[in-house]
Amino acid sequence: MSDYRINFGSIIDQLDQRKLVDVLNIVGNDDELIITIEAEDATQTENIYRLLEDNGFEITVKGGHDDNKYNIVARRRES
């Protein structure tokens, strides 16, 4: 099992989304992906959730609103 981490700033653009897709392509069935987002606006996470779900990942959100950081833990869905 490997852990992959990716960090995004407060604005998530198309380049960031492409970077995420590149990482999703290498995450295996037993691996975990942790995405940290410095999001002041919760809508910034919606595109990330959609990308993860569309690529077969289960999502758990950790963190809070106090420090404006969201931690998304993603694992591939079991077949």
PDB file of N, CA and C in Angstrom:
ATOM      1  N   MET A   1       0.839  -1.177   0.000  1.00  0.00           N
ATOM      2  CA  MET A   1       0.000   0.000   0.000  1.00  0.00           C
ATOM      3  C   MET A   1       0.885   1.242   0.000  1.00  0.00           C
ATOM      4  N   SER A   2       0.563   2.156  -0.882  1.00  0.00           N
ATOM      5  CA  SER A   2       1.284   3.419  -0.973  1.00  0.00           C
ATOM      6  C   SER A   2       0.343   4.563  -0.655  1.00  0.00           C
ATOM      7  N   ASP A   3       0.914   5.633  -0.150  1.00  0.00           N
ATOM      8  CA  ASP A   3       0.154   6.860   0.083  1.00  0.00           C
ATOM      9  C   ASP A   3       0.636   7.909  -0.902  1.00  0.00           C
ATOM     10  N   TYR A   4      -0.302   8.539  -1.564  1.00  0.00           N
ATOM     11  CA  TYR A   4       0.001   9.639  -2.471  1.00  0.00           C
ATOM     12  C   TYR A   4      -0.612  10.893  -1.886  1.00  0.00           C
ATOM     13  N   ARG A   5       0.079  12.001  -2.038  1.00  0.00           N
ATOM     14  CA  ARG A   5      -0.423  13.280  -1.524  1.00  0.00           C
ATOM     15  C   ARG A   5      -0.339  14.328  -2.620  1.00  0.00           C
ATOM     16  N   ILE A   6      -1.374  15.161  -2.633  1.00  0.00           N
ATOM     17  CA  ILE A   6      -1.373  16.283  -3.563  1.00  0.00           C
ATOM     18  C   ILE A   6      -1.978  17.475  -2.834  1.00  0.00           C
ATOM     19  N   ASN A   7      -1.383  18.640  -3.009  1.00  0.00           N
ATOM     20  CA  ASN A   7      -1.844  19.856  -2.341  1.00  0.00           C
ATOM     21  C   ASN A   7      -2.293  20.874  -3.377  1.00  0.00           C
ATOM     22  N   PHE A   8      -3.420  21.496  -3.091  1.00  0.00           N
ATOM     23  CA  PHE A   8      -3.942  22.554  -3.950  1.00  0.00           C
ATOM     24  C   PHE A   8      -4.088  23.829  -3.138  1.00  0.00           C
ATOM     25  N   GLY A   9      -3.937  24.957  -3.804  1.00  0.00           N
ATOM     26  CA  GLY A   9      -4.137  26.251  -3.167  1.00  0.00           C
ATOM     27  C   GLY A   9      -5.612  26.615  -3.121  1.00  0.00           C
ATOM     28  N   SER A  10      -5.881  27.890  -2.956  1.00  0.00           N
ATOM     29  CA  SER A  10      -7.270  28.335  -2.804  1.00  0.00           C
ATOM     30  C   SER A  10      -8.033  28.358  -4.122  1.00  0.00           C
ATOM     31  N   ILE A  11      -7.316  28.403  -5.241  1.00  0.00           N
ATOM     32  CA  ILE A  11      -7.954  28.361  -6.551  1.00  0.00           C
ATOM     33  C   ILE A  11      -7.513  27.071  -7.242  1.00  0.00           C
ATOM     34  N   ILE A  12      -8.477  26.278  -7.682  1.00  0.00           N
ATOM     35  CA  ILE A  12      -8.173  25.030  -8.378  1.00  0.00           C
ATOM     36  C   ILE A  12      -8.530  25.231  -9.845  1.00  0.00           C
ATOM     37  N   ASP A  13      -7.499  25.250 -10.682  1.00  0.00           N
ATOM     38  CA  ASP A  13      -7.740  25.505 -12.107  1.00  0.00           C
ATOM     39  C   ASP A  13      -7.626  24.216 -12.920  1.00  0.00           C
ATOM     40  N   GLN A  14      -7.724  24.343 -14.235  1.00  0.00           N
ATOM     41  CA  GLN A  14      -7.690  23.167 -15.113  1.00  0.00           C
ATOM     42  C   GLN A  14      -6.361  22.432 -15.042  1.00  0.00           C
ATOM     43  N   LEU A  15      -5.278  23.158 -14.863  1.00  0.00           N
ATOM     44  CA  LEU A  15      -3.971  22.519 -14.739  1.00  0.00           C
ATOM     45  C   LEU A  15      -3.930  21.642 -13.486  1.00  0.00           C
ATOM     46  N   ASP A  16      -4.484  22.137 -12.390  1.00  0.00           N
ATOM     47  CA  ASP A  16      -4.550  21.347 -11.162  1.00  0.00           C
ATOM     48  C   ASP A  16      -5.385  20.088 -11.373  1.00  0.00           C
ATOM     49  N   GLN A  17      -6.495  20.230 -12.072  1.00  0.00           N
ATOM     50  CA  GLN A  17      -7.354  19.079 -12.326  1.00  0.00           C
ATOM     51  C   GLN A  17      -6.644  18.049 -13.201  1.00  0.00           C
ATOM     52  N   ARG A  18      -5.887  18.495 -14.187  1.00  0.00           N
ATOM     53  CA  ARG A  18      -5.123  17.575 -15.033  1.00  0.00           C
ATOM     54  C   ARG A  18      -4.050  16.855 -14.214  1.00  0.00           C
ATOM     55  N   LYS A  19      -3.426  17.605 -13.302  1.00  0.00           N
ATOM     56  CA  LYS A  19      -2.420  17.018 -12.423  1.00  0.00           C
ATOM     57  C   LYS A  19      -3.056  15.909 -11.566  1.00  0.00           C
ATOM     58  N   LEU A  20      -4.266  16.170 -11.079  1.00  0.00           N
ATOM     59  CA  LEU A  20      -4.976  15.183 -10.275  1.00  0.00           C
ATOM     60  C   LEU A  20      -5.282  13.934 -11.105  1.00  0.00           C
ATOM     61  N   VAL A  21      -5.751  14.108 -12.320  1.00  0.00           N
ATOM     62  CA  VAL A  21      -6.056  12.964 -13.190  1.00  0.00           C
ATOM     63  C   VAL A  21      -4.789  12.135 -13.427  1.00  0.00           C
ATOM     64  N   ASP A  22      -3.650  12.791 -13.613  1.00  0.00           N
ATOM     65  CA  ASP A  22      -2.384  12.067 -13.790  1.00  0.00           C
ATOM     66  C   ASP A  22      -2.071  11.199 -12.574  1.00  0.00           C
ATOM     67  N   VAL A  23      -2.310  11.738 -11.377  1.00  0.00           N
ATOM     68  CA  VAL A  23      -2.058  10.983 -10.151  1.00  0.00           C
ATOM     69  C   VAL A  23      -3.064   9.837 -10.025  1.00  0.00           C
ATOM     70  N   LEU A  24      -4.328  10.091 -10.362  1.00  0.00           N
ATOM     71  CA  LEU A  24      -5.356   9.047 -10.271  1.00  0.00           C
ATOM     72  C   LEU A  24      -4.997   7.839 -11.121  1.00  0.00           C
ATOM     73  N   ASN A  25      -4.342   8.078 -12.239  1.00  0.00           N
ATOM     74  CA  ASN A  25      -3.972   6.989 -13.130  1.00  0.00           C
ATOM     75  C   ASN A  25      -2.916   6.055 -12.550  1.00  0.00           C
ATOM     76  N   ILE A  26      -2.184   6.509 -11.535  1.00  0.00           N
ATOM     77  CA  ILE A  26      -1.143   5.654 -10.949  1.00  0.00           C
ATOM     78  C   ILE A  26      -1.528   5.093  -9.585  1.00  0.00           C
ATOM     79  N   VAL A  27      -2.617   5.582  -8.997  1.00  0.00           N
ATOM     80  CA  VAL A  27      -3.061   5.088  -7.689  1.00  0.00           C
ATOM     81  C   VAL A  27      -3.665   3.698  -7.875  1.00  0.00           C
ATOM     82  N   GLY A  28      -3.138   2.729  -7.133  1.00  0.00           N
ATOM     83  CA  GLY A  28      -3.603   1.347  -7.243  1.00  0.00           C
ATOM     84  C   GLY A  28      -4.753   1.034  -6.302  1.00  0.00           C
ATOM     85  N   ASN A  29      -5.213  -0.204  -6.348  1.00  0.00           N
ATOM     86  CA  ASN A  29      -6.365  -0.629  -5.554  1.00  0.00           C
ATOM     87  C   ASN A  29      -6.123  -0.563  -4.054  1.00  0.00           C
ATOM     88  N   ASP A  30      -4.905  -0.792  -3.609  1.00  0.00           N
ATOM     89  CA  ASP A  30      -4.604  -0.776  -2.176  1.00  0.00           C
ATOM     90  C   ASP A  30      -3.997   0.544  -1.717  1.00  0.00           C
ATOM     91  N   ASP A  31      -3.921   1.517  -2.602  1.00  0.00           N
ATOM     92  CA  ASP A  31      -3.288   2.793  -2.285  1.00  0.00           C
ATOM     93  C   ASP A  31      -4.300   3.796  -1.746  1.00  0.00           C
ATOM     94  N   GLU A  32      -3.764   4.828  -1.133  1.00  0.00           N
ATOM     95  CA  GLU A  32      -4.595   5.907  -0.600  1.00  0.00           C
ATOM     96  C   GLU A  32      -4.073   7.231  -1.154  1.00  0.00           C
ATOM     97  N   LEU A  33      -4.986   8.081  -1.531  1.00  0.00           N
ATOM     98  CA  LEU A  33      -4.646   9.413  -2.030  1.00  0.00           C
ATOM     99  C   LEU A  33      -5.191  10.443  -1.050  1.00  0.00           C
ATOM    100  N   ILE A  34      -4.329  11.320  -0.582  1.00  0.00           N
ATOM    101  CA  ILE A  34      -4.744  12.383   0.334  1.00  0.00           C
ATOM    102  C   ILE A  34      -4.574  13.709  -0.391  1.00  0.00           C
ATOM    103  N   ILE A  35      -5.686  14.414  -0.527  1.00  0.00           N
ATOM    104  CA  ILE A  35      -5.695  15.699  -1.222  1.00  0.00           C
ATOM    105  C   ILE A  35      -5.969  16.781  -0.194  1.00  0.00           C
ATOM    106  N   THR A  36      -5.069  17.748  -0.096  1.00  0.00           N
ATOM    107  CA  THR A  36      -5.264  18.881   0.809  1.00  0.00           C
ATOM    108  C   THR A  36      -5.583  20.100  -0.039  1.00  0.00           C
ATOM    109  N   ILE A  37      -6.681  20.744   0.319  1.00  0.00           N
ATOM    110  CA  ILE A  37      -7.139  21.909  -0.431  1.00  0.00           C
ATOM    111  C   ILE A  37      -7.259  23.084   0.524  1.00  0.00           C
ATOM    112  N   GLU A  38      -6.603  24.175   0.195  1.00  0.00           N
ATOM    113  CA  GLU A  38      -6.753  25.408   0.951  1.00  0.00           C
ATOM    114  C   GLU A  38      -7.904  26.179   0.324  1.00  0.00           C
ATOM    115  N   ALA A  39      -9.098  25.761   0.655  1.00  0.00           N
ATOM    116  CA  ALA A  39     -10.276  26.308  -0.016  1.00  0.00           C
ATOM    117  C   ALA A  39     -11.066  27.210   0.927  1.00  0.00           C
ATOM    118  N   GLU A  40     -11.197  28.451   0.531  1.00  0.00           N
ATOM    119  CA  GLU A  40     -12.048  29.368   1.272  1.00  0.00           C
ATOM    120  C   GLU A  40     -13.494  29.191   0.840  1.00  0.00           C
ATOM    121  N   ASP A  41     -13.675  28.615  -0.326  1.00  0.00           N
ATOM    122  CA  ASP A  41     -14.998  28.434  -0.902  1.00  0.00           C
ATOM    123  C   ASP A  41     -15.202  26.941  -1.139  1.00  0.00           C
ATOM    124  N   ALA A  42     -16.220  26.377  -0.510  1.00  0.00           N
ATOM    125  CA  ALA A  42     -16.455  24.932  -0.595  1.00  0.00           C
ATOM    126  C   ALA A  42     -16.730  24.473  -2.023  1.00  0.00           C
ATOM    127  N   THR A  43     -17.156  25.360  -2.900  1.00  0.00           N
ATOM    128  CA  THR A  43     -17.430  24.953  -4.274  1.00  0.00           C
ATOM    129  C   THR A  43     -16.158  24.534  -5.003  1.00  0.00           C
ATOM    130  N   GLN A  44     -15.003  24.941  -4.479  1.00  0.00           N
ATOM    131  CA  GLN A  44     -13.735  24.526  -5.081  1.00  0.00           C
ATOM    132  C   GLN A  44     -13.563  23.017  -5.012  1.00  0.00           C
ATOM    133  N   THR A  45     -14.197  22.374  -4.044  1.00  0.00           N
ATOM    134  CA  THR A  45     -14.033  20.935  -3.877  1.00  0.00           C
ATOM    135  C   THR A  45     -14.964  20.129  -4.780  1.00  0.00           C
ATOM    136  N   GLU A  46     -16.011  20.723  -5.290  1.00  0.00           N
ATOM    137  CA  GLU A  46     -16.999  19.972  -6.076  1.00  0.00           C
ATOM    138  C   GLU A  46     -16.388  19.323  -7.314  1.00  0.00           C
ATOM    139  N   ASN A  47     -15.538  20.032  -8.026  1.00  0.00           N
ATOM    140  CA  ASN A  47     -14.892  19.460  -9.213  1.00  0.00           C
ATOM    141  C   ASN A  47     -13.961  18.310  -8.833  1.00  0.00           C
ATOM    142  N   ILE A  48     -13.304  18.438  -7.695  1.00  0.00           N
ATOM    143  CA  ILE A  48     -12.421  17.370  -7.221  1.00  0.00           C
ATOM    144  C   ILE A  48     -13.246  16.132  -6.896  1.00  0.00           C
ATOM    145  N   TYR A  49     -14.354  16.313  -6.166  1.00  0.00           N
ATOM    146  CA  TYR A  49     -15.231  15.180  -5.850  1.00  0.00           C
ATOM    147  C   TYR A  49     -15.708  14.489  -7.119  1.00  0.00           C
ATOM    148  N   ARG A  50     -16.126  15.277  -8.096  1.00  0.00           N
ATOM    149  CA  ARG A  50     -16.641  14.719  -9.349  1.00  0.00           C
ATOM    150  C   ARG A  50     -15.565  13.912 -10.073  1.00  0.00           C
ATOM    151  N   LEU A  51     -14.344  14.462 -10.143  1.00  0.00           N
ATOM    152  CA  LEU A  51     -13.240  13.742 -10.788  1.00  0.00           C
ATOM    153  C   LEU A  51     -12.957  12.415 -10.078  1.00  0.00           C
ATOM    154  N   LEU A  52     -12.958  12.449  -8.766  1.00  0.00           N
ATOM    155  CA  LEU A  52     -12.690  11.229  -8.011  1.00  0.00           C
ATOM    156  C   LEU A  52     -13.779  10.189  -8.241  1.00  0.00           C
ATOM    157  N   GLU A  53     -15.021  10.602  -8.132  1.00  0.00           N
ATOM    158  CA  GLU A  53     -16.135   9.671  -8.311  1.00  0.00           C
ATOM    159  C   GLU A  53     -16.171   9.115  -9.730  1.00  0.00           C
ATOM    160  N   ASP A  54     -15.936   9.971 -10.716  1.00  0.00           N
ATOM    161  CA  ASP A  54     -15.942   9.526 -12.111  1.00  0.00           C
ATOM    162  C   ASP A  54     -14.815   8.529 -12.412  1.00  0.00           C
ATOM    163  N   ASN A  55     -13.769   8.564 -11.592  1.00  0.00           N
ATOM    164  CA  ASN A  55     -12.638   7.660 -11.799  1.00  0.00           C
ATOM    165  C   ASN A  55     -12.641   6.480 -10.828  1.00  0.00           C
ATOM    166  N   GLY A  56     -13.785   6.235 -10.174  1.00  0.00           N
ATOM    167  CA  GLY A  56     -13.940   5.040  -9.352  1.00  0.00           C
ATOM    168  C   GLY A  56     -13.366   5.111  -7.953  1.00  0.00           C
ATOM    169  N   PHE A  57     -13.380   6.292  -7.343  1.00  0.00           N
ATOM    170  CA  PHE A  57     -12.837   6.450  -6.001  1.00  0.00           C
ATOM    171  C   PHE A  57     -13.938   6.697  -4.979  1.00  0.00           C
ATOM    172  N   GLU A  58     -13.723   6.151  -3.760  1.00  0.00           N
ATOM    173  CA  GLU A  58     -14.554   6.472  -2.606  1.00  0.00           C
ATOM    174  C   GLU A  58     -13.885   7.625  -1.876  1.00  0.00           C
ATOM    175  N   ILE A  59     -14.693   8.491  -1.292  1.00  0.00           N
ATOM    176  CA  ILE A  59     -14.175   9.728  -0.708  1.00  0.00           C
ATOM    177  C   ILE A  59     -14.537   9.816   0.764  1.00  0.00           C
ATOM    178  N   THR A  60     -13.566  10.219   1.570  1.00  0.00           N
ATOM    179  CA  THR A  60     -13.791  10.575   2.974  1.00  0.00           C
ATOM    180  C   THR A  60     -13.195  11.959   3.171  1.00  0.00           C
ATOM    181  N   VAL A  61     -13.955  12.847   3.789  1.00  0.00           N
ATOM    182  CA  VAL A  61     -13.469  14.211   4.020  1.00  0.00           C
ATOM    183  C   VAL A  61     -13.055  14.334   5.480  1.00  0.00           C
ATOM    184  N   LYS A  62     -11.868  14.891   5.689  1.00  0.00           N
ATOM    185  CA  LYS A  62     -11.374  15.139   7.041  1.00  0.00           C
ATOM    186  C   LYS A  62     -10.942  16.588   7.122  1.00  0.00           C
ATOM    187  N   GLY A  63     -10.984  17.138   8.309  1.00  0.00           N
ATOM    188  CA  GLY A  63     -10.583  18.527   8.485  1.00  0.00           C
ATOM    189  C   GLY A  63     -11.782  19.377   8.798  1.00  0.00           C
ATOM    190  N   GLY A  64     -11.558  20.653   8.803  1.00  0.00           N
ATOM    191  CA  GLY A  64     -12.645  21.542   9.160  1.00  0.00           C
ATOM    192  C   GLY A  64     -12.539  22.882   8.499  1.00  0.00           C
ATOM    193  N   HIS A  65     -13.407  23.729   8.914  1.00  0.00           N
ATOM    194  CA  HIS A  65     -13.484  25.066   8.342  1.00  0.00           C
ATOM    195  C   HIS A  65     -12.593  26.066   9.081  1.00  0.00           C
ATOM    196  N   ASP A  66     -12.085  25.694  10.243  1.00  0.00           N
ATOM    197  CA  ASP A  66     -11.313  26.636  11.051  1.00  0.00           C
ATOM    198  C   ASP A  66     -10.053  27.131  10.352  1.00  0.00           C
ATOM    199  N   ASP A  67      -9.332  26.229   9.710  1.00  0.00           N
ATOM    200  CA  ASP A  67      -8.087  26.635   9.058  1.00  0.00           C
ATOM    201  C   ASP A  67      -8.229  26.708   7.543  1.00  0.00           C
ATOM    202  N   ASN A  68      -9.470  26.636   7.047  1.00  0.00           N
ATOM    203  CA  ASN A  68      -9.748  26.702   5.612  1.00  0.00           C
ATOM    204  C   ASN A  68      -9.030  25.622   4.818  1.00  0.00           C
ATOM    205  N   LYS A  69      -8.780  24.480   5.450  1.00  0.00           N
ATOM    206  CA  LYS A  69      -8.160  23.364   4.747  1.00  0.00           C
ATOM    207  C   LYS A  69      -9.098  22.180   4.792  1.00  0.00           C
ATOM    208  N   TYR A  70      -9.243  21.552   3.639  1.00  0.00           N
ATOM    209  CA  TYR A  70     -10.030  20.337   3.526  1.00  0.00           C
ATOM    210  C   TYR A  70      -9.075  19.215   3.160  1.00  0.00           C
ATOM    211  N   ASN A  71      -9.194  18.107   3.832  1.00  0.00           N
ATOM    212  CA  ASN A  71      -8.417  16.928   3.489  1.00  0.00           C
ATOM    213  C   ASN A  71      -9.378  15.881   2.955  1.00  0.00           C
ATOM    214  N   ILE A  72      -9.155  15.488   1.737  1.00  0.00           N
ATOM    215  CA  ILE A  72      -9.978  14.471   1.096  1.00  0.00           C
ATOM    216  C   ILE A  72      -9.124  13.215   1.003  1.00  0.00           C
ATOM    217  N   VAL A  73      -9.626  12.139   1.584  1.00  0.00           N
ATOM    218  CA  VAL A  73      -8.942  10.859   1.514  1.00  0.00           C
ATOM    219  C   VAL A  73      -9.707  10.019   0.502  1.00  0.00           C
ATOM    220  N   ALA A  74      -9.017   9.533  -0.507  1.00  0.00           N
ATOM    221  CA  ALA A  74      -9.664   8.786  -1.582  1.00  0.00           C
ATOM    222  C   ALA A  74      -8.998   7.426  -1.750  1.00  0.00           C
ATOM    223  N   ARG A  75      -9.847   6.426  -1.945  1.00  0.00           N
ATOM    224  CA  ARG A  75      -9.393   5.057  -2.245  1.00  0.00           C
ATOM    225  C   ARG A  75     -10.232   4.514  -3.367  1.00  0.00           C
ATOM    226  N   ARG A  76      -9.646   3.677  -4.199  1.00  0.00           N
ATOM    227  CA  ARG A  76     -10.410   3.067  -5.288  1.00  0.00           C
ATOM    228  C   ARG A  76     -11.515   2.195  -4.721  1.00  0.00           C
ATOM    229  N   ARG A  77     -12.689   2.263  -5.367  1.00  0.00           N
ATOM    230  CA  ARG A  77     -13.789   1.391  -4.974  1.00  0.00           C
ATOM    231  C   ARG A  77     -13.409  -0.052  -5.252  1.00  0.00           C
ATOM    232  N   GLU A  78     -13.839  -0.926  -4.357  1.00  0.00           N
ATOM    233  CA  GLU A  78     -13.592  -2.358  -4.570  1.00  0.00           C
ATOM    234  C   GLU A  78     -14.517  -2.872  -5.657  1.00  0.00           C
ATOM    235  N   SER A  79     -13.980  -3.702  -6.506  1.00  0.00           N
ATOM    236  CA  SER A  79     -14.767  -4.246  -7.624  1.00  0.00           C
ATOM    237  C   SER A  79     -15.663  -5.368  -7.171  1.00  0.00           C
TER     238      SER A  79
END
